[in-house]
Amino acid sequence: MSCPARLPLWLRLAGPVLTLLGAGGAVAASAHLTALAVVPVVLAAAGVIVMSVALLRARS
């Protein structure tokens, strides 16, 4: 059995991005949207952006 080829960058980033969008949608659908509920979503978005930039710089 051969080893699978390494996944493309866009496919590796799709998981965290879709997870983030799902969490954001769940928070937005909440009846009581508070600042405390928004903070983790914003921090997760910032983390995804920082990780994406780091991965892109590492590849170049």
C-alpha atoms as a PDB file:
ATOM      1  CA  MET A   1       0.000   0.000   0.000  1.00  0.00           C
ATOM      2  CA  SER A   2       1.433   3.365  -0.957  1.00  0.00           C
ATOM      3  CA  CYS A   3       1.446   6.470   1.219  1.00  0.00           C
ATOM      4  CA  PRO A   4      -1.070   9.121   0.183  1.00  0.00           C
ATOM      5  CA  ALA A   5       0.282  12.311  -1.343  1.00  0.00           C
ATOM      6  CA  ARG A   6       0.466  15.341   0.895  1.00  0.00           C
ATOM      7  CA  LEU A   7      -2.770  17.348   0.876  1.00  0.00           C
ATOM      8  CA  PRO A   8      -2.754  20.757  -0.809  1.00  0.00           C
ATOM      9  CA  LEU A   9      -2.615  23.809   1.453  1.00  0.00           C
ATOM     10  CA  TRP A  10      -6.145  24.964   0.632  1.00  0.00           C
ATOM     11  CA  LEU A  11      -7.520  21.573   1.622  1.00  0.00           C
ATOM     12  CA  ARG A  12      -5.593  21.520   4.905  1.00  0.00           C
ATOM     13  CA  LEU A  13      -6.911  24.999   5.773  1.00  0.00           C
ATOM     14  CA  ALA A  14     -10.505  24.153   4.842  1.00  0.00           C
ATOM     15  CA  GLY A  15     -11.090  22.179   8.058  1.00  0.00           C
ATOM     16  CA  PRO A  16     -10.324  24.977  10.546  1.00  0.00           C
ATOM     17  CA  VAL A  17     -12.066  27.583   8.389  1.00  0.00           C
ATOM     18  CA  LEU A  18     -15.267  25.534   8.104  1.00  0.00           C
ATOM     19  CA  THR A  19     -15.143  24.802  11.834  1.00  0.00           C
ATOM     20  CA  LEU A  20     -14.792  28.508  12.538  1.00  0.00           C
ATOM     21  CA  LEU A  21     -17.720  29.363  10.261  1.00  0.00           C
ATOM     22  CA  GLY A  22     -19.853  26.735  11.964  1.00  0.00           C
ATOM     23  CA  ALA A  23     -19.016  28.096  15.420  1.00  0.00           C
ATOM     24  CA  GLY A  24     -19.708  31.640  14.239  1.00  0.00           C
ATOM     25  CA  GLY A  25     -23.069  30.598  12.831  1.00  0.00           C
ATOM     26  CA  ALA A  26     -24.014  28.849  16.065  1.00  0.00           C
ATOM     27  CA  VAL A  27     -23.109  31.928  18.099  1.00  0.00           C
ATOM     28  CA  ALA A  28     -24.975  34.257  15.735  1.00  0.00           C
ATOM     29  CA  ALA A  29     -28.075  32.059  15.942  1.00  0.00           C
ATOM     30  CA  SER A  30     -28.016  32.247  19.720  1.00  0.00           C
ATOM     31  CA  ALA A  31     -30.855  34.208  21.261  1.00  0.00           C
ATOM     32  CA  HIS A  32     -28.516  36.192  23.515  1.00  0.00           C
ATOM     33  CA  LEU A  33     -25.437  37.296  21.600  1.00  0.00           C
ATOM     34  CA  THR A  34     -23.050  38.728  24.177  1.00  0.00           C
ATOM     35  CA  ALA A  35     -19.536  40.075  23.985  1.00  0.00           C
ATOM     36  CA  LEU A  36     -18.306  37.049  25.935  1.00  0.00           C
ATOM     37  CA  ALA A  37     -19.710  34.741  23.250  1.00  0.00           C
ATOM     38  CA  VAL A  38     -18.046  36.717  20.447  1.00  0.00           C
ATOM     39  CA  VAL A  39     -14.545  36.782  21.974  1.00  0.00           C
ATOM     40  CA  PRO A  40     -13.693  33.080  21.361  1.00  0.00           C
ATOM     41  CA  VAL A  41     -14.899  33.320  17.756  1.00  0.00           C
ATOM     42  CA  VAL A  42     -12.768  36.416  17.115  1.00  0.00           C
ATOM     43  CA  LEU A  43      -9.747  34.782  18.756  1.00  0.00           C
ATOM     44  CA  ALA A  44     -10.243  31.637  16.671  1.00  0.00           C
ATOM     45  CA  ALA A  45     -10.461  33.735  13.496  1.00  0.00           C
ATOM     46  CA  ALA A  46      -7.258  35.551  14.418  1.00  0.00           C
ATOM     47  CA  GLY A  47      -5.562  32.216  15.088  1.00  0.00           C
ATOM     48  CA  VAL A  48      -6.597  30.837  11.705  1.00  0.00           C
ATOM     49  CA  ILE A  49      -5.304  33.976   9.958  1.00  0.00           C
ATOM     50  CA  VAL A  50      -1.977  33.887  11.802  1.00  0.00           C
ATOM     51  CA  MET A  51      -1.561  30.156  11.108  1.00  0.00           C
ATOM     52  CA  SER A  52      -2.415  30.657   7.439  1.00  0.00           C
ATOM     53  CA  VAL A  53       0.160  33.424   7.061  1.00  0.00           C
ATOM     54  CA  ALA A  54       2.787  31.324   8.830  1.00  0.00           C
ATOM     55  CA  LEU A  55       2.096  28.328   6.572  1.00  0.00           C
ATOM     56  CA  LEU A  56       2.233  30.459   3.434  1.00  0.00           C
ATOM     57  CA  ARG A  57       5.535  32.029   4.508  1.00  0.00           C
ATOM     58  CA  ALA A  58       6.980  28.617   5.341  1.00  0.00           C
ATOM     59  CA  ARG A  59       6.125  27.302   1.879  1.00  0.00           C
ATOM     60  CA  SER A  60       7.772  30.194   0.045  1.00  0.00           C
END
